[in-house]
Amino acid sequence: MIRDLAFIQSWSIPQFKANQRIEEIEVKRNEKTGKHFFVFGFESGACSRKVETGELTMPMVSQVVSGRTGEQFYLLHQRGEGGGATTICKL
């Protein structure tokens, strides 16, 4: 899924909460489909597979657009996931 997305803007969790004027983000699972999503205020967004597998250690929220459908939505994902760049080293 992430390969087909264009990342418009990304925020750390504290930045996203401040921008949206919310105190909490809830991650939920649809019991019928098993898919995870997150809820904030009266809105919701998608979750990357790392949320489902428990590999989310450095969470971020990005506004993304699907290359296939043109749909824009929020995505909760691991920092560094997507975005088209590979970290070679940290100095």
C-alpha atoms as a PDB file:
ATOM      1  CA  MET A   1       0.000   0.000   0.000  1.00  0.00           C
ATOM      2  CA  ILE A   2       2.709   2.522   0.943  1.00  0.00           C
ATOM      3  CA  ARG A   3       4.440   2.193  -2.446  1.00  0.00           C
ATOM      4  CA  ASP A   4       1.363   3.627  -4.163  1.00  0.00           C
ATOM      5  CA  LEU A   5       1.121   6.702  -1.923  1.00  0.00           C
ATOM      6  CA  ALA A   6       2.451  10.231  -2.288  1.00  0.00           C
ATOM      7  CA  PHE A   7       3.273  11.822   1.055  1.00  0.00           C
ATOM      8  CA  ILE A   8       1.999  15.406   1.245  1.00  0.00           C
ATOM      9  CA  GLN A   9       2.912  16.308   4.819  1.00  0.00           C
ATOM     10  CA  SER A  10       4.041  14.408   7.935  1.00  0.00           C
ATOM     11  CA  TRP A  11       3.850  15.122  11.655  1.00  0.00           C
ATOM     12  CA  SER A  12       5.141  13.558  14.845  1.00  0.00           C
ATOM     13  CA  ILE A  13       2.333  12.436  17.145  1.00  0.00           C
ATOM     14  CA  PRO A  14       2.685  15.500  19.441  1.00  0.00           C
ATOM     15  CA  GLN A  15       2.699  17.843  16.408  1.00  0.00           C
ATOM     16  CA  PHE A  16      -0.371  16.146  14.913  1.00  0.00           C
ATOM     17  CA  LYS A  17      -2.267  16.337  18.210  1.00  0.00           C
ATOM     18  CA  ALA A  18      -1.413  20.027  18.589  1.00  0.00           C
ATOM     19  CA  ASN A  19      -2.388  20.832  14.983  1.00  0.00           C
ATOM     20  CA  GLN A  20      -5.693  18.992  15.293  1.00  0.00           C
ATOM     21  CA  ARG A  21      -6.318  20.371  18.804  1.00  0.00           C
ATOM     22  CA  ILE A  22      -6.884  16.896  20.216  1.00  0.00           C
ATOM     23  CA  GLU A  23      -5.622  15.156  23.319  1.00  0.00           C
ATOM     24  CA  GLU A  24      -5.810  11.563  22.167  1.00  0.00           C
ATOM     25  CA  ILE A  25      -5.559   9.277  19.155  1.00  0.00           C
ATOM     26  CA  GLU A  26      -7.300   5.906  19.385  1.00  0.00           C
ATOM     27  CA  VAL A  27      -6.176   2.931  17.284  1.00  0.00           C
ATOM     28  CA  LYS A  28      -9.047   0.527  16.622  1.00  0.00           C
ATOM     29  CA  ARG A  29      -9.637  -2.726  14.757  1.00  0.00           C
ATOM     30  CA  ASN A  30     -12.675  -3.431  12.595  1.00  0.00           C
ATOM     31  CA  GLU A  31     -13.864  -6.777  13.948  1.00  0.00           C
ATOM     32  CA  LYS A  32     -15.430  -7.757  10.611  1.00  0.00           C
ATOM     33  CA  THR A  33     -12.393  -7.066   8.395  1.00  0.00           C
ATOM     34  CA  GLY A  34      -9.554  -7.221  10.928  1.00  0.00           C
ATOM     35  CA  LYS A  35      -8.157  -3.953   9.545  1.00  0.00           C
ATOM     36  CA  HIS A  36      -6.794  -1.298  11.876  1.00  0.00           C
ATOM     37  CA  PHE A  37      -7.633   2.404  11.720  1.00  0.00           C
ATOM     38  CA  PHE A  38      -7.202   5.406  13.992  1.00  0.00           C
ATOM     39  CA  VAL A  39      -9.719   7.905  15.287  1.00  0.00           C
ATOM     40  CA  PHE A  40      -9.127  11.495  16.403  1.00  0.00           C
ATOM     41  CA  GLY A  41     -11.914  13.885  17.243  1.00  0.00           C
ATOM     42  CA  PHE A  42     -14.654  13.176  14.701  1.00  0.00           C
ATOM     43  CA  GLU A  43     -12.251  11.995  11.972  1.00  0.00           C
ATOM     44  CA  SER A  44     -10.415   8.783  11.189  1.00  0.00           C
ATOM     45  CA  GLY A  45      -7.434   7.570   9.205  1.00  0.00           C
ATOM     46  CA  ALA A  46      -5.751   4.418   7.955  1.00  0.00           C
ATOM     47  CA  CYS A  47      -2.953   2.466   9.640  1.00  0.00           C
ATOM     48  CA  SER A  48       0.061   0.857   8.015  1.00  0.00           C
ATOM     49  CA  ARG A  49       0.683  -2.857   8.456  1.00  0.00           C
ATOM     50  CA  LYS A  50       3.317  -2.088  11.132  1.00  0.00           C
ATOM     51  CA  VAL A  51       0.459  -1.060  13.429  1.00  0.00           C
ATOM     52  CA  GLU A  52      -1.188  -4.474  12.933  1.00  0.00           C
ATOM     53  CA  THR A  53       2.064  -6.388  13.500  1.00  0.00           C
ATOM     54  CA  GLY A  54       3.045  -4.388  16.583  1.00  0.00           C
ATOM     55  CA  GLU A  55       6.201  -3.024  14.916  1.00  0.00           C
ATOM     56  CA  LEU A  56       5.204   0.618  15.394  1.00  0.00           C
ATOM     57  CA  THR A  57       7.974   2.061  17.583  1.00  0.00           C
ATOM     58  CA  MET A  58       8.314   5.581  16.115  1.00  0.00           C
ATOM     59  CA  PRO A  59       4.778   6.561  15.034  1.00  0.00           C
ATOM     60  CA  MET A  60       4.004   9.432  12.685  1.00  0.00           C
ATOM     61  CA  VAL A  61       0.885  10.658  10.925  1.00  0.00           C
ATOM     62  CA  SER A  62       1.048  11.732   7.290  1.00  0.00           C
ATOM     63  CA  GLN A  63      -1.458  13.191   4.901  1.00  0.00           C
ATOM     64  CA  VAL A  64      -1.157  11.044   1.788  1.00  0.00           C
ATOM     65  CA  VAL A  65      -2.759  10.688  -1.632  1.00  0.00           C
ATOM     66  CA  SER A  66      -3.323   7.400  -3.433  1.00  0.00           C
ATOM     67  CA  GLY A  67      -1.722   7.214  -6.867  1.00  0.00           C
ATOM     68  CA  ARG A  68      -4.465   4.831  -8.030  1.00  0.00           C
ATOM     69  CA  THR A  69      -7.592   6.614  -6.806  1.00  0.00           C
ATOM     70  CA  GLY A  70      -6.497  10.177  -6.012  1.00  0.00           C
ATOM     71  CA  GLU A  71      -8.062   9.832  -2.560  1.00  0.00           C
ATOM     72  CA  GLN A  72      -6.416  11.868   0.222  1.00  0.00           C
ATOM     73  CA  PHE A  73      -6.356  10.540   3.776  1.00  0.00           C
ATOM     74  CA  TYR A  74      -4.348  10.422   6.986  1.00  0.00           C
ATOM     75  CA  LEU A  75      -2.018   7.468   7.575  1.00  0.00           C
ATOM     76  CA  LEU A  76      -0.556   6.348  10.898  1.00  0.00           C
ATOM     77  CA  HIS A  77       2.794   4.710  10.119  1.00  0.00           C
ATOM     78  CA  GLN A  78       6.343   4.044  11.247  1.00  0.00           C
ATOM     79  CA  ARG A  79       8.787   6.941  10.895  1.00  0.00           C
ATOM     80  CA  GLY A  80      10.856   6.379   7.751  1.00  0.00           C
ATOM     81  CA  GLU A  81       8.214   4.084   6.210  1.00  0.00           C
ATOM     82  CA  GLY A  82       7.338   5.297   2.737  1.00  0.00           C
ATOM     83  CA  GLY A  83       8.491   8.661   1.507  1.00  0.00           C
ATOM     84  CA  GLY A  84      10.918   7.110  -1.001  1.00  0.00           C
ATOM     85  CA  ALA A  85      14.156   7.539   0.969  1.00  0.00           C
ATOM     86  CA  THR A  86      16.482   5.002   2.547  1.00  0.00           C
ATOM     87  CA  THR A  87      18.683   5.977   5.474  1.00  0.00           C
ATOM     88  CA  ILE A  88      22.263   4.996   4.748  1.00  0.00           C
ATOM     89  CA  CYS A  89      23.769   6.149   8.049  1.00  0.00           C
ATOM     90  CA  LYS A  90      23.236   8.534  10.940  1.00  0.00           C
ATOM     91  CA  LEU A  91      26.053  10.815  12.069  1.00  0.00           C
END
